[in-house]
PDB file of N, CA and C in Angstrom:
ATOM      1  N   MET A   1      29.417 139.594  25.881  1.00  0.00           N
ATOM      2  CA  MET A   1      29.622 140.015  27.258  1.00  0.00           C
ATOM      3  C   MET A   1      28.969 141.371  27.481  1.00  0.00           C
ATOM      4  N   LEU A   2      28.416 141.562  28.658  1.00  0.00           N
ATOM      5  CA  LEU A   2      27.809 142.840  28.981  1.00  0.00           C
ATOM      6  C   LEU A   2      28.887 143.907  29.057  1.00  0.00           C
ATOM      7  N   GLY A   3      28.565 145.119  28.602  1.00  0.00           N
ATOM      8  CA  GLY A   3      29.543 146.189  28.577  1.00  0.00           C
ATOM      9  C   GLY A   3      29.580 147.023  29.841  1.00  0.00           C
ATOM     10  N   HIS A   4      28.871 146.611  30.871  1.00  0.00           N
ATOM     11  CA  HIS A   4      28.831 147.387  32.108  1.00  0.00           C
ATOM     12  C   HIS A   4      28.813 146.434  33.297  1.00  0.00           C
ATOM     13  N   PRO A   5      29.222 146.923  34.466  1.00  0.00           N
ATOM     14  CA  PRO A   5      29.112 146.058  35.637  1.00  0.00           C
ATOM     15  C   PRO A   5      27.644 145.791  35.945  1.00  0.00           C
ATOM     16  N   LEU A   6      27.364 144.617  36.451  1.00  0.00           N
ATOM     17  CA  LEU A   6      25.991 144.285  36.815  1.00  0.00           C
ATOM     18  C   LEU A   6      25.556 145.104  38.023  1.00  0.00           C
ATOM     19  N   HIS A   7      24.335 145.615  37.961  1.00  0.00           N
ATOM     20  CA  HIS A   7      23.729 146.350  39.069  1.00  0.00           C
ATOM     21  C   HIS A   7      22.801 145.385  39.800  1.00  0.00           C
ATOM     22  N   VAL A   8      23.107 145.110  41.061  1.00  0.00           N
ATOM     23  CA  VAL A   8      22.345 144.142  41.830  1.00  0.00           C
ATOM     24  C   VAL A   8      21.716 144.828  43.039  1.00  0.00           C
ATOM     25  N   ALA A   9      20.389 144.761  43.124  1.00  0.00           N
ATOM     26  CA  ALA A   9      19.671 145.289  44.282  1.00  0.00           C
ATOM     27  C   ALA A   9      19.611 144.198  45.346  1.00  0.00           C
ATOM     28  N   ILE A  10      19.744 144.608  46.595  1.00  0.00           N
ATOM     29  CA  ILE A  10      19.679 143.689  47.732  1.00  0.00           C
ATOM     30  C   ILE A  10      18.568 144.185  48.644  1.00  0.00           C
ATOM     31  N   LEU A  11      17.545 143.350  48.860  1.00  0.00           N
ATOM     32  CA  LEU A  11      16.490 143.711  49.799  1.00  0.00           C
ATOM     33  C   LEU A  11      16.524 142.727  50.959  1.00  0.00           C
ATOM     34  N   ASP A  12      17.033 143.210  52.086  1.00  0.00           N
ATOM     35  CA  ASP A  12      17.126 142.395  53.295  1.00  0.00           C
ATOM     36  C   ASP A  12      16.988 143.335  54.481  1.00  0.00           C
ATOM     37  N   ASP A  13      16.219 142.928  55.478  1.00  0.00           N
ATOM     38  CA  ASP A  13      16.018 143.797  56.638  1.00  0.00           C
ATOM     39  C   ASP A  13      17.200 143.775  57.597  1.00  0.00           C
ATOM     40  N   ASP A  14      18.137 142.853  57.413  1.00  0.00           N
ATOM     41  CA  ASP A  14      19.307 142.748  58.288  1.00  0.00           C
ATOM     42  C   ASP A  14      20.469 143.549  57.699  1.00  0.00           C
ATOM     43  N   PRO A  15      20.867 144.650  58.368  1.00  0.00           N
ATOM     44  CA  PRO A  15      21.948 145.486  57.831  1.00  0.00           C
ATOM     45  C   PRO A  15      23.267 144.736  57.645  1.00  0.00           C
ATOM     46  N   SER A  16      23.561 143.779  58.522  1.00  0.00           N
ATOM     47  CA  SER A  16      24.822 143.052  58.390  1.00  0.00           C
ATOM     48  C   SER A  16      24.822 142.172  57.139  1.00  0.00           C
ATOM     49  N   ILE A  17      23.690 141.630  56.777  1.00  0.00           N
ATOM     50  CA  ILE A  17      23.605 140.823  55.554  1.00  0.00           C
ATOM     51  C   ILE A  17      23.714 141.724  54.331  1.00  0.00           C
ATOM     52  N   ARG A  18      23.051 142.873  54.372  1.00  0.00           N
ATOM     53  CA  ARG A  18      23.169 143.825  53.248  1.00  0.00           C
ATOM     54  C   ARG A  18      24.627 144.224  53.045  1.00  0.00           C
ATOM     55  N   THR A  19      25.327 144.498  54.148  1.00  0.00           N
ATOM     56  CA  THR A  19      26.738 144.898  54.068  1.00  0.00           C
ATOM     57  C   THR A  19      27.593 143.763  53.514  1.00  0.00           C
ATOM     58  N   ALA A  20      27.407 142.560  54.037  1.00  0.00           N
ATOM     59  CA  ALA A  20      28.210 141.417  53.587  1.00  0.00           C
ATOM     60  C   ALA A  20      27.971 141.118  52.108  1.00  0.00           C
ATOM     61  N   LEU A  21      26.712 141.111  51.694  1.00  0.00           N
ATOM     62  CA  LEU A  21      26.412 140.865  50.280  1.00  0.00           C
ATOM     63  C   LEU A  21      26.965 141.987  49.402  1.00  0.00           C
ATOM     64  N   GLY A  22      26.865 143.213  49.879  1.00  0.00           N
ATOM     65  CA  GLY A  22      27.413 144.340  49.125  1.00  0.00           C
ATOM     66  C   GLY A  22      28.909 144.210  48.904  1.00  0.00           C
ATOM     67  N   ARG A  23      29.622 143.803  49.925  1.00  0.00           N
ATOM     68  CA  ARG A  23      31.075 143.607  49.804  1.00  0.00           C
ATOM     69  C   ARG A  23      31.396 142.471  48.839  1.00  0.00           C
ATOM     70  N   LEU A  24      30.635 141.391  48.928  1.00  0.00           N
ATOM     71  CA  LEU A  24      30.841 140.256  48.039  1.00  0.00           C
ATOM     72  C   LEU A  24      30.632 140.665  46.576  1.00  0.00           C
ATOM     73  N   LEU A  25      29.554 141.371  46.319  1.00  0.00           N
ATOM     74  CA  LEU A  25      29.259 141.796  44.948  1.00  0.00           C
ATOM     75  C   LEU A  25      30.316 142.766  44.432  1.00  0.00           C
ATOM     76  N   LYS A  26      30.738 143.695  45.279  1.00  0.00           N
ATOM     77  CA  LYS A  26      31.774 144.654  44.881  1.00  0.00           C
ATOM     78  C   LYS A  26      33.070 143.931  44.539  1.00  0.00           C
ATOM     79  N   ALA A  27      33.448 142.936  45.346  1.00  0.00           N
ATOM     80  CA  ALA A  27      34.662 142.166  45.080  1.00  0.00           C
ATOM     81  C   ALA A  27      34.573 141.407  43.762  1.00  0.00           C
ATOM     82  N   ALA A  28      33.346 141.084  43.345  1.00  0.00           N
ATOM     83  CA  ALA A  28      33.137 140.373  42.076  1.00  0.00           C
ATOM     84  C   ALA A  28      32.981 141.336  40.906  1.00  0.00           C
ATOM     85  N   GLY A  29      33.152 142.639  41.145  1.00  0.00           N
ATOM     86  CA  GLY A  29      33.070 143.623  40.071  1.00  0.00           C
ATOM     87  C   GLY A  29      31.660 144.086  39.755  1.00  0.00           C
ATOM     88  N   MET A  30      30.738 143.860  40.672  1.00  0.00           N
ATOM     89  CA  MET A  30      29.346 144.277  40.486  1.00  0.00           C
ATOM     90  C   MET A  30      29.056 145.509  41.338  1.00  0.00           C
ATOM     91  N   LEU A  31      27.979 146.189  41.015  1.00  0.00           N
ATOM     92  CA  LEU A  31      27.533 147.323  41.811  1.00  0.00           C
ATOM     93  C   LEU A  31      26.365 146.877  42.673  1.00  0.00           C
ATOM     94  N   ALA A  32      26.474 147.056  43.974  1.00  0.00           N
ATOM     95  CA  ALA A  32      25.433 146.649  44.911  1.00  0.00           C
ATOM     96  C   ALA A  32      24.604 147.854  45.322  1.00  0.00           C
ATOM     97  N   HIS A  33      23.302 147.645  45.368  1.00  0.00           N
ATOM     98  CA  HIS A  33      22.366 148.686  45.791  1.00  0.00           C
ATOM     99  C   HIS A  33      21.519 148.091  46.923  1.00  0.00           C
ATOM    100  N   PRO A  34      21.907 148.325  48.183  1.00  0.00           N
ATOM    101  CA  PRO A  34      21.192 147.723  49.314  1.00  0.00           C
ATOM    102  C   PRO A  34      19.963 148.532  49.733  1.00  0.00           C
ATOM    103  N   TYR A  35      18.901 147.803  50.079  1.00  0.00           N
ATOM    104  CA  TYR A  35      17.659 148.421  50.551  1.00  0.00           C
ATOM    105  C   TYR A  35      17.177 147.660  51.779  1.00  0.00           C
ATOM    106  N   GLY A  36      16.731 148.400  52.774  1.00  0.00           N
ATOM    107  CA  GLY A  36      16.230 147.791  53.998  1.00  0.00           C
ATOM    108  C   GLY A  36      14.735 147.582  53.990  1.00  0.00           C
ATOM    109  N   THR A  37      14.024 148.333  53.140  1.00  0.00           N
ATOM    110  CA  THR A  37      12.571 148.193  53.071  1.00  0.00           C
ATOM    111  C   THR A  37      12.122 148.060  51.624  1.00  0.00           C
ATOM    112  N   SER A  38      10.966 147.454  51.462  1.00  0.00           N
ATOM    113  CA  SER A  38      10.415 147.298  50.114  1.00  0.00           C
ATOM    114  C   SER A  38      10.058 148.657  49.514  1.00  0.00           C
ATOM    115  N   ASP A  39       9.634 149.614  50.334  1.00  0.00           N
ATOM    116  CA  ASP A  39       9.323 150.948  49.815  1.00  0.00           C
ATOM    117  C   ASP A  39      10.550 151.587  49.175  1.00  0.00           C
ATOM    118  N   GLU A  40      11.716 151.459  49.826  1.00  0.00           N
ATOM    119  CA  GLU A  40      12.962 151.998  49.259  1.00  0.00           C
ATOM    120  C   GLU A  40      13.265 151.335  47.921  1.00  0.00           C
ATOM    121  N   LEU A  41      13.098 150.026  47.865  1.00  0.00           N
ATOM    122  CA  LEU A  41      13.351 149.295  46.623  1.00  0.00           C
ATOM    123  C   LEU A  41      12.396 149.737  45.522  1.00  0.00           C
ATOM    124  N   PHE A  42      11.101 149.785  45.817  1.00  0.00           N
ATOM    125  CA  PHE A  42      10.109 150.139  44.802  1.00  0.00           C
ATOM    126  C   PHE A  42      10.348 151.552  44.256  1.00  0.00           C
ATOM    127  N   GLU A  43      10.735 152.460  45.141  1.00  0.00           N
ATOM    128  CA  GLU A  43      11.034 153.833  44.715  1.00  0.00           C
ATOM    129  C   GLU A  43      12.243 153.853  43.778  1.00  0.00           C
ATOM    130  N   ALA A  44      13.227 153.033  44.070  1.00  0.00           N
ATOM    131  CA  ALA A  44      14.460 153.011  43.275  1.00  0.00           C
ATOM    132  C   ALA A  44      14.260 152.352  41.917  1.00  0.00           C
ATOM    133  N   ILE A  45      13.432 151.303  41.846  1.00  0.00           N
ATOM    134  CA  ILE A  45      13.280 150.608  40.563  1.00  0.00           C
ATOM    135  C   ILE A  45      12.315 151.319  39.625  1.00  0.00           C
ATOM    136  N   ALA A  46      11.570 152.282  40.138  1.00  0.00           N
ATOM    137  CA  ALA A  46      10.655 153.014  39.258  1.00  0.00           C
ATOM    138  C   ALA A  46      11.401 153.683  38.101  1.00  0.00           C
ATOM    139  N   PRO A  47      12.487 154.426  38.371  1.00  0.00           N
ATOM    140  CA  PRO A  47      13.181 155.054  37.245  1.00  0.00           C
ATOM    141  C   PRO A  47      14.178 154.133  36.536  1.00  0.00           C
ATOM    142  N   LYS A  48      14.767 153.176  37.251  1.00  0.00           N
ATOM    143  CA  LYS A  48      15.784 152.316  36.634  1.00  0.00           C
ATOM    144  C   LYS A  48      15.833 150.976  37.352  1.00  0.00           C
ATOM    145  N   CYS A  49      15.612 149.918  36.589  1.00  0.00           N
ATOM    146  CA  CYS A  49      15.623 148.568  37.154  1.00  0.00           C
ATOM    147  C   CYS A  49      17.050 148.054  37.292  1.00  0.00           C
ATOM    148  N   PRO A  50      17.316 147.336  38.369  1.00  0.00           N
ATOM    149  CA  PRO A  50      18.614 146.677  38.486  1.00  0.00           C
ATOM    150  C   PRO A  50      18.662 145.473  37.537  1.00  0.00           C
ATOM    151  N   ASP A  51      19.846 144.942  37.330  1.00  0.00           N
ATOM    152  CA  ASP A  51      19.994 143.750  36.499  1.00  0.00           C
ATOM    153  C   ASP A  51      19.493 142.508  37.224  1.00  0.00           C
ATOM    154  N   CYS A  52      19.527 142.555  38.563  1.00  0.00           N
ATOM    155  CA  CYS A  52      19.158 141.397  39.371  1.00  0.00           C
ATOM    156  C   CYS A  52      18.733 141.893  40.749  1.00  0.00           C
ATOM    157  N   LEU A  53      17.887 141.105  41.409  1.00  0.00           N
ATOM    158  CA  LEU A  53      17.457 141.408  42.769  1.00  0.00           C
ATOM    159  C   LEU A  53      17.738 140.210  43.658  1.00  0.00           C
ATOM    160  N   LEU A  54      18.407 140.457  44.794  1.00  0.00           N
ATOM    161  CA  LEU A  54      18.571 139.455  45.841  1.00  0.00           C
ATOM    162  C   LEU A  54      17.524 139.776  46.896  1.00  0.00           C
ATOM    163  N   LEU A  55      16.596 138.866  47.111  1.00  0.00           N
ATOM    164  CA  LEU A  55      15.425 139.129  47.948  1.00  0.00           C
ATOM    165  C   LEU A  55      15.370 138.197  49.146  1.00  0.00           C
ATOM    166  N   ASP A  56      15.352 138.775  50.336  1.00  0.00           N
ATOM    167  CA  ASP A  56      15.150 138.013  51.568  1.00  0.00           C
ATOM    168  C   ASP A  56      13.667 137.687  51.665  1.00  0.00           C
ATOM    169  N   LEU A  57      13.331 136.413  51.775  1.00  0.00           N
ATOM    170  CA  LEU A  57      11.935 135.990  51.797  1.00  0.00           C
ATOM    171  C   LEU A  57      11.240 136.342  53.104  1.00  0.00           C
ATOM    172  N   GLN A  58      11.910 136.116  54.219  1.00  0.00           N
ATOM    173  CA  GLN A  58      11.319 136.368  55.537  1.00  0.00           C
ATOM    174  C   GLN A  58      11.672 137.778  55.980  1.00  0.00           C
ATOM    175  N   ARG A  59      10.680 138.652  55.953  1.00  0.00           N
ATOM    176  CA  ARG A  59      10.947 140.055  56.259  1.00  0.00           C
ATOM    177  C   ARG A  59       9.716 140.686  56.880  1.00  0.00           C
ATOM    178  N   PRO A  60       9.935 141.729  57.668  1.00  0.00           N
ATOM    179  CA  PRO A  60       8.785 142.439  58.236  1.00  0.00           C
ATOM    180  C   PRO A  60       8.097 143.287  57.167  1.00  0.00           C
ATOM    181  N   GLY A  61       6.862 143.650  57.427  1.00  0.00           N
ATOM    182  CA  GLY A  61       6.130 144.474  56.463  1.00  0.00           C
ATOM    183  C   GLY A  61       5.653 143.626  55.294  1.00  0.00           C
ATOM    184  N   ILE A  62       5.897 144.101  54.096  1.00  0.00           N
ATOM    185  CA  ILE A  62       5.466 143.378  52.907  1.00  0.00           C
ATOM    186  C   ILE A  62       6.251 142.070  52.820  1.00  0.00           C
ATOM    187  N   ARG A  63       5.540 140.975  52.702  1.00  0.00           N
ATOM    188  CA  ARG A  63       6.188 139.665  52.619  1.00  0.00           C
ATOM    189  C   ARG A  63       7.050 139.578  51.365  1.00  0.00           C
ATOM    190  N   GLY A  64       8.110 138.782  51.456  1.00  0.00           N
ATOM    191  CA  GLY A  64       9.010 138.591  50.323  1.00  0.00           C
ATOM    192  C   GLY A  64       8.301 138.095  49.084  1.00  0.00           C
ATOM    193  N   LEU A  65       7.317 137.222  49.253  1.00  0.00           N
ATOM    194  CA  LEU A  65       6.564 136.706  48.113  1.00  0.00           C
ATOM    195  C   LEU A  65       5.794 137.827  47.419  1.00  0.00           C
ATOM    196  N   ASP A  66       5.254 138.762  48.189  1.00  0.00           N
ATOM    197  CA  ASP A  66       4.548 139.905  47.598  1.00  0.00           C
ATOM    198  C   ASP A  66       5.513 140.853  46.895  1.00  0.00           C
ATOM    199  N   VAL A  67       6.716 141.024  47.459  1.00  0.00           N
ATOM    200  CA  VAL A  67       7.751 141.838  46.807  1.00  0.00           C
ATOM    201  C   VAL A  67       8.118 141.204  45.465  1.00  0.00           C
ATOM    202  N   LEU A  68       8.207 139.896  45.446  1.00  0.00           N
ATOM    203  CA  LEU A  68       8.543 139.170  44.222  1.00  0.00           C
ATOM    204  C   LEU A  68       7.501 139.413  43.136  1.00  0.00           C
ATOM    205  N   LYS A  69       6.258 139.503  43.505  1.00  0.00           N
ATOM    206  CA  LYS A  69       5.171 139.700  42.533  1.00  0.00           C
ATOM    207  C   LYS A  69       5.078 141.144  42.035  1.00  0.00           C
ATOM    208  N   TYR A  70       5.556 142.098  42.814  1.00  0.00           N
ATOM    209  CA  TYR A  70       5.399 143.524  42.498  1.00  0.00           C
ATOM    210  C   TYR A  70       5.909 143.906  41.102  1.00  0.00           C
ATOM    211  N   PRO A  71       7.159 143.584  40.740  1.00  0.00           N
ATOM    212  CA  PRO A  71       7.617 143.986  39.397  1.00  0.00           C
ATOM    213  C   PRO A  71       6.793 143.350  38.279  1.00  0.00           C
ATOM    214  N   ASN A  72       6.421 142.081  38.438  1.00  0.00           N
ATOM    215  CA  ASN A  72       5.632 141.408  37.404  1.00  0.00           C
ATOM    216  C   ASN A  72       4.282 142.073  37.197  1.00  0.00           C
ATOM    217  N   GLN A  73       3.671 142.538  38.272  1.00  0.00           N
ATOM    218  CA  GLN A  73       2.384 143.210  38.174  1.00  0.00           C
ATOM    219  C   GLN A  73       2.500 144.532  37.421  1.00  0.00           C
ATOM    220  N   ARG A  74       3.688 145.077  37.345  1.00  0.00           N
ATOM    221  CA  ARG A  74       3.931 146.340  36.641  1.00  0.00           C
ATOM    222  C   ARG A  74       4.688 146.131  35.339  1.00  0.00           C
ATOM    223  N   HIS A  75       4.765 144.872  34.905  1.00  0.00           N
ATOM    224  CA  HIS A  75       5.435 144.499  33.651  1.00  0.00           C
ATOM    225  C   HIS A  75       6.902 144.919  33.639  1.00  0.00           C
ATOM    226  N   ILE A  76       7.539 144.780  34.794  1.00  0.00           N
ATOM    227  CA  ILE A  76       8.960 145.052  34.944  1.00  0.00           C
ATOM    228  C   ILE A  76       9.651 143.701  35.134  1.00  0.00           C
ATOM    229  N   ARG A  77      10.687 143.442  34.352  1.00  0.00           N
ATOM    230  CA  ARG A  77      11.388 142.172  34.479  1.00  0.00           C
ATOM    231  C   ARG A  77      12.693 142.381  35.258  1.00  0.00           C
ATOM    232  N   ILE A  78      12.750 141.790  36.447  1.00  0.00           N
ATOM    233  CA  ILE A  78      13.967 141.806  37.253  1.00  0.00           C
ATOM    234  C   ILE A  78      14.237 140.361  37.671  1.00  0.00           C
ATOM    235  N   PRO A  79      15.272 139.743  37.113  1.00  0.00           N
ATOM    236  CA  PRO A  79      15.603 138.397  37.560  1.00  0.00           C
ATOM    237  C   PRO A  79      15.877 138.432  39.065  1.00  0.00           C
ATOM    238  N   THR A  80      15.181 137.563  39.802  1.00  0.00           N
ATOM    239  CA  THR A  80      15.239 137.617  41.256  1.00  0.00           C
ATOM    240  C   THR A  80      15.707 136.297  41.850  1.00  0.00           C
ATOM    241  N   ILE A  81      16.658 136.408  42.769  1.00  0.00           N
ATOM    242  CA  ILE A  81      17.130 135.271  43.543  1.00  0.00           C
ATOM    243  C   ILE A  81      16.568 135.433  44.949  1.00  0.00           C
ATOM    244  N   VAL A  82      15.728 134.504  45.342  1.00  0.00           N
ATOM    245  CA  VAL A  82      15.133 134.530  46.675  1.00  0.00           C
ATOM    246  C   VAL A  82      16.063 133.791  47.632  1.00  0.00           C
ATOM    247  N   MET A  83      16.278 134.397  48.796  1.00  0.00           N
ATOM    248  CA  MET A  83      17.130 133.789  49.817  1.00  0.00           C
ATOM    249  C   MET A  83      16.330 133.701  51.116  1.00  0.00           C
ATOM    250  N   THR A  84      16.473 132.593  51.817  1.00  0.00           N
ATOM    251  CA  THR A  84      15.782 132.457  53.091  1.00  0.00           C
ATOM    252  C   THR A  84      16.571 131.571  54.043  1.00  0.00           C
ATOM    253  N   GLY A  85      16.456 131.878  55.299  1.00  0.00           N
ATOM    254  CA  GLY A  85      17.057 131.059  56.336  1.00  0.00           C
ATOM    255  C   GLY A  85      16.015 130.214  57.041  1.00  0.00           C
ATOM    256  N   HIS A  86      14.750 130.384  56.666  1.00  0.00           N
ATOM    257  CA  HIS A  86      13.632 129.697  57.319  1.00  0.00           C
ATOM    258  C   HIS A  86      12.704 129.126  56.257  1.00  0.00           C
ATOM    259  N   GLU A  87      13.111 128.033  55.666  1.00  0.00           N
ATOM    260  CA  GLU A  87      12.317 127.481  54.574  1.00  0.00           C
ATOM    261  C   GLU A  87      11.057 126.797  55.092  1.00  0.00           C
ATOM    262  N   ALA A  88       9.929 127.219  54.564  1.00  0.00           N
ATOM    263  CA  ALA A  88       8.658 126.555  54.836  1.00  0.00           C
ATOM    264  C   ALA A  88       8.416 125.540  53.715  1.00  0.00           C
ATOM    265  N   LYS A  89       7.538 124.612  53.952  1.00  0.00           N
ATOM    266  CA  LYS A  89       7.326 123.495  53.045  1.00  0.00           C
ATOM    267  C   LYS A  89       7.063 123.922  51.597  1.00  0.00           C
ATOM    268  N   SER A  90       6.209 124.892  51.384  1.00  0.00           N
ATOM    269  CA  SER A  90       5.839 125.275  50.013  1.00  0.00           C
ATOM    270  C   SER A  90       6.556 126.524  49.509  1.00  0.00           C
ATOM    271  N   SER A  91       7.476 127.085  50.284  1.00  0.00           N
ATOM    272  CA  SER A  91       8.111 128.355  49.918  1.00  0.00           C
ATOM    273  C   SER A  91       8.804 128.315  48.569  1.00  0.00           C
ATOM    274  N   ARG A  92       9.623 127.295  48.340  1.00  0.00           N
ATOM    275  CA  ARG A  92      10.368 127.205  47.085  1.00  0.00           C
ATOM    276  C   ARG A  92       9.394 127.187  45.896  1.00  0.00           C
ATOM    277  N   GLU A  93       8.397 126.335  45.958  1.00  0.00           N
ATOM    278  CA  GLU A  93       7.427 126.220  44.861  1.00  0.00           C
ATOM    279  C   GLU A  93       6.659 127.521  44.672  1.00  0.00           C
ATOM    280  N   ASP A  94       6.227 128.147  45.765  1.00  0.00           N
ATOM    281  CA  ASP A  94       5.501 129.420  45.670  1.00  0.00           C
ATOM    282  C   ASP A  94       6.355 130.492  45.004  1.00  0.00           C
ATOM    283  N   CYS A  95       7.615 130.582  45.394  1.00  0.00           N
ATOM    284  CA  CYS A  95       8.514 131.596  44.829  1.00  0.00           C
ATOM    285  C   CYS A  95       8.790 131.339  43.349  1.00  0.00           C
ATOM    286  N   MET A  96       9.045 130.097  43.001  1.00  0.00           N
ATOM    287  CA  MET A  96       9.326 129.784  41.601  1.00  0.00           C
ATOM    288  C   MET A  96       8.082 130.041  40.736  1.00  0.00           C
ATOM    289  N   ASN A  97       6.906 129.725  41.260  1.00  0.00           N
ATOM    290  CA  ASN A  97       5.661 129.997  40.531  1.00  0.00           C
ATOM    291  C   ASN A  97       5.400 131.488  40.392  1.00  0.00           C
ATOM    292  N   ALA A  98       5.908 132.279  41.322  1.00  0.00           N
ATOM    293  CA  ALA A  98       5.723 133.738  41.272  1.00  0.00           C
ATOM    294  C   ALA A  98       6.769 134.426  40.408  1.00  0.00           C
ATOM    295  N   GLY A  99       7.715 133.644  39.855  1.00  0.00           N
ATOM    296  CA  GLY A  99       8.667 134.229  38.920  1.00  0.00           C
ATOM    297  C   GLY A  99      10.107 134.309  39.371  1.00  0.00           C
ATOM    298  N   ALA A 100      10.441 133.736  40.525  1.00  0.00           N
ATOM    299  CA  ALA A 100      11.835 133.771  40.970  1.00  0.00           C
ATOM    300  C   ALA A 100      12.714 133.010  39.983  1.00  0.00           C
ATOM    301  N   ALA A 101      13.905 133.524  39.752  1.00  0.00           N
ATOM    302  CA  ALA A 101      14.867 132.843  38.882  1.00  0.00           C
ATOM    303  C   ALA A 101      15.594 131.744  39.643  1.00  0.00           C
ATOM    304  N   ALA A 102      15.710 131.909  40.965  1.00  0.00           N
ATOM    305  CA  ALA A 102      16.404 130.924  41.795  1.00  0.00           C
ATOM    306  C   ALA A 102      15.957 131.084  43.240  1.00  0.00           C
ATOM    307  N   TYR A 103      16.234 130.055  44.015  1.00  0.00           N
ATOM    308  CA  TYR A 103      15.841 130.016  45.428  1.00  0.00           C
ATOM    309  C   TYR A 103      17.002 129.397  46.194  1.00  0.00           C
ATOM    310  N   LEU A 104      17.528 130.134  47.164  1.00  0.00           N
ATOM    311  CA  LEU A 104      18.689 129.667  47.930  1.00  0.00           C
ATOM    312  C   LEU A 104      18.407 129.710  49.425  1.00  0.00           C
ATOM    313  N   LEU A 105      18.985 128.750  50.133  1.00  0.00           N
ATOM    314  CA  LEU A 105      18.920 128.766  51.587  1.00  0.00           C
ATOM    315  C   LEU A 105      20.127 129.507  52.143  1.00  0.00           C
ATOM    316  N   LYS A 106      19.903 130.309  53.191  1.00  0.00           N
ATOM    317  CA  LYS A 106      20.987 130.992  53.876  1.00  0.00           C
ATOM    318  C   LYS A 106      21.594 130.035  54.881  1.00  0.00           C
ATOM    319  N   PRO A 107      22.858 130.121  55.145  1.00  0.00           N
ATOM    320  CA  PRO A 107      23.801 131.028  54.508  1.00  0.00           C
ATOM    321  C   PRO A 107      24.108 130.566  53.084  1.00  0.00           C
ATOM    322  N   VAL A 108      24.217 131.529  52.176  1.00  0.00           N
ATOM    323  CA  VAL A 108      24.480 131.202  50.774  1.00  0.00           C
ATOM    324  C   VAL A 108      25.979 131.020  50.556  1.00  0.00           C
ATOM    325  N   ASP A 109      26.309 130.182  49.608  1.00  0.00           N
ATOM    326  CA  ASP A 109      27.697 129.996  49.202  1.00  0.00           C
ATOM    327  C   ASP A 109      28.068 131.155  48.285  1.00  0.00           C
ATOM    328  N   ALA A 110      29.117 131.881  48.610  1.00  0.00           N
ATOM    329  CA  ALA A 110      29.497 133.088  47.872  1.00  0.00           C
ATOM    330  C   ALA A 110      29.757 132.813  46.399  1.00  0.00           C
ATOM    331  N   ASN A 111      30.535 131.784  46.092  1.00  0.00           N
ATOM    332  CA  ASN A 111      30.846 131.479  44.690  1.00  0.00           C
ATOM    333  C   ASN A 111      29.607 131.067  43.920  1.00  0.00           C
ATOM    334  N   GLN A 112      28.744 130.283  44.550  1.00  0.00           N
ATOM    335  CA  GLN A 112      27.508 129.858  43.906  1.00  0.00           C
ATOM    336  C   GLN A 112      26.621 131.069  43.605  1.00  0.00           C
ATOM    337  N   LEU A 113      26.536 131.996  44.553  1.00  0.00           N
ATOM    338  CA  LEU A 113      25.701 133.182  44.365  1.00  0.00           C
ATOM    339  C   LEU A 113      26.213 134.043  43.211  1.00  0.00           C
ATOM    340  N   ILE A 114      27.511 134.305  43.171  1.00  0.00           N
ATOM    341  CA  ILE A 114      28.082 135.120  42.094  1.00  0.00           C
ATOM    342  C   ILE A 114      27.839 134.455  40.740  1.00  0.00           C
ATOM    343  N   GLU A 115      28.093 133.170  40.665  1.00  0.00           N
ATOM    344  CA  GLU A 115      27.885 132.442  39.412  1.00  0.00           C
ATOM    345  C   GLU A 115      26.412 132.479  38.997  1.00  0.00           C
ATOM    346  N   MET A 116      25.523 132.343  39.964  1.00  0.00           N
ATOM    347  CA  MET A 116      24.093 132.370  39.679  1.00  0.00           C
ATOM    348  C   MET A 116      23.672 133.738  39.145  1.00  0.00           C
ATOM    349  N   ILE A 117      24.158 134.803  39.770  1.00  0.00           N
ATOM    350  CA  ILE A 117      23.833 136.160  39.303  1.00  0.00           C
ATOM    351  C   ILE A 117      24.309 136.334  37.866  1.00  0.00           C
ATOM    352  N   GLU A 118      25.547 135.950  37.600  1.00  0.00           N
ATOM    353  CA  GLU A 118      26.094 136.093  36.247  1.00  0.00           C
ATOM    354  C   GLU A 118      25.284 135.280  35.234  1.00  0.00           C
ATOM    355  N   ASN A 119      24.892 134.076  35.616  1.00  0.00           N
ATOM    356  CA  ASN A 119      24.130 133.232  34.699  1.00  0.00           C
ATOM    357  C   ASN A 119      22.754 133.800  34.389  1.00  0.00           C
ATOM    358  N   ILE A 120      22.034 134.255  35.410  1.00  0.00           N
ATOM    359  CA  ILE A 120      20.679 134.745  35.136  1.00  0.00           C
ATOM    360  C   ILE A 120      20.685 136.109  34.449  1.00  0.00           C
ATOM    361  N   CYS A 121      21.812 136.809  34.536  1.00  0.00           N
ATOM    362  CA  CYS A 121      21.921 138.111  33.857  1.00  0.00           C
ATOM    363  C   CYS A 121      22.563 137.977  32.473  1.00  0.00           C
ATOM    364  N   GLY A 122      22.946 136.762  32.103  1.00  0.00           N
ATOM    365  CA  GLY A 122      23.509 136.541  30.771  1.00  0.00           C
ATOM    366  C   GLY A 122      24.949 136.952  30.621  1.00  0.00           C
ATOM    367  N   LYS A 123      25.659 137.074  31.737  1.00  0.00           N
ATOM    368  CA  LYS A 123      27.084 137.437  31.668  1.00  0.00           C
ATOM    369  C   LYS A 123      27.912 136.158  31.694  1.00  0.00           C
ATOM    370  N   PRO A 124      28.865 136.018  30.770  1.00  0.00           N
ATOM    371  CA  PRO A 124      29.717 134.816  30.802  1.00  0.00           C
ATOM    372  C   PRO A 124      30.437 134.715  32.142  1.00  0.00           C
ATOM    373  N   SER A 125      30.606 133.507  32.630  1.00  0.00           N
ATOM    374  CA  SER A 125      31.305 133.336  33.899  1.00  0.00           C
ATOM    375  C   SER A 125      32.757 133.729  33.735  1.00  0.00           C
ATOM    376  N   ARG A 126      33.396 134.030  34.850  1.00  0.00           N
ATOM    377  CA  ARG A 126      34.782 134.501  34.816  1.00  0.00           C
ATOM    378  C   ARG A 126      35.698 133.443  34.208  1.00  0.00           C
ATOM    379  N   GLN A 127      35.389 132.167  34.383  1.00  0.00           N
ATOM    380  CA  GLN A 127      36.252 131.150  33.805  1.00  0.00           C
ATOM    381  C   GLN A 127      36.055 131.011  32.306  1.00  0.00           C
ATOM    382  N   ASP A 128      34.919 131.503  31.770  1.00  0.00           N
ATOM    383  CA  ASP A 128      34.679 131.475  30.334  1.00  0.00           C
ATOM    384  C   ASP A 128      35.368 132.638  29.628  1.00  0.00           C
ATOM    385  N   GLY A 129      35.799 133.586  30.380  1.00  0.00           N
ATOM    386  CA  GLY A 129      36.537 134.680  29.802  1.00  0.00           C
ATOM    387  C   GLY A 129      35.788 135.928  29.762  1.00  0.00           C
TER     388      GLY A 129
END
């Protein structure tokens, strides 16, 4: 079992989604780090990478797919869960090919999301002890 709470970065341009996800993660015993822009995220991960990234695919400015590629181009490994409310035909395949650990449609199921974060970060699920 990991000896520290999971640090999860949230990149979403919608403040209400950042707040809701932050509350959900906090209730699950995780630390949430919300970011509204990719620049804020990139600045934050330079000194210390989060354990996981929740990434909104449809966003202004740098596209979510380009954000997904950024850590890999710098040899930084951040397991990333891509979330979208507007799925395009090839989006899932493009994201998975770019290194996403998972791809979810919004609205996400809270229990599924928590379990997914724990699984991709190597933390035993709460029911496993």
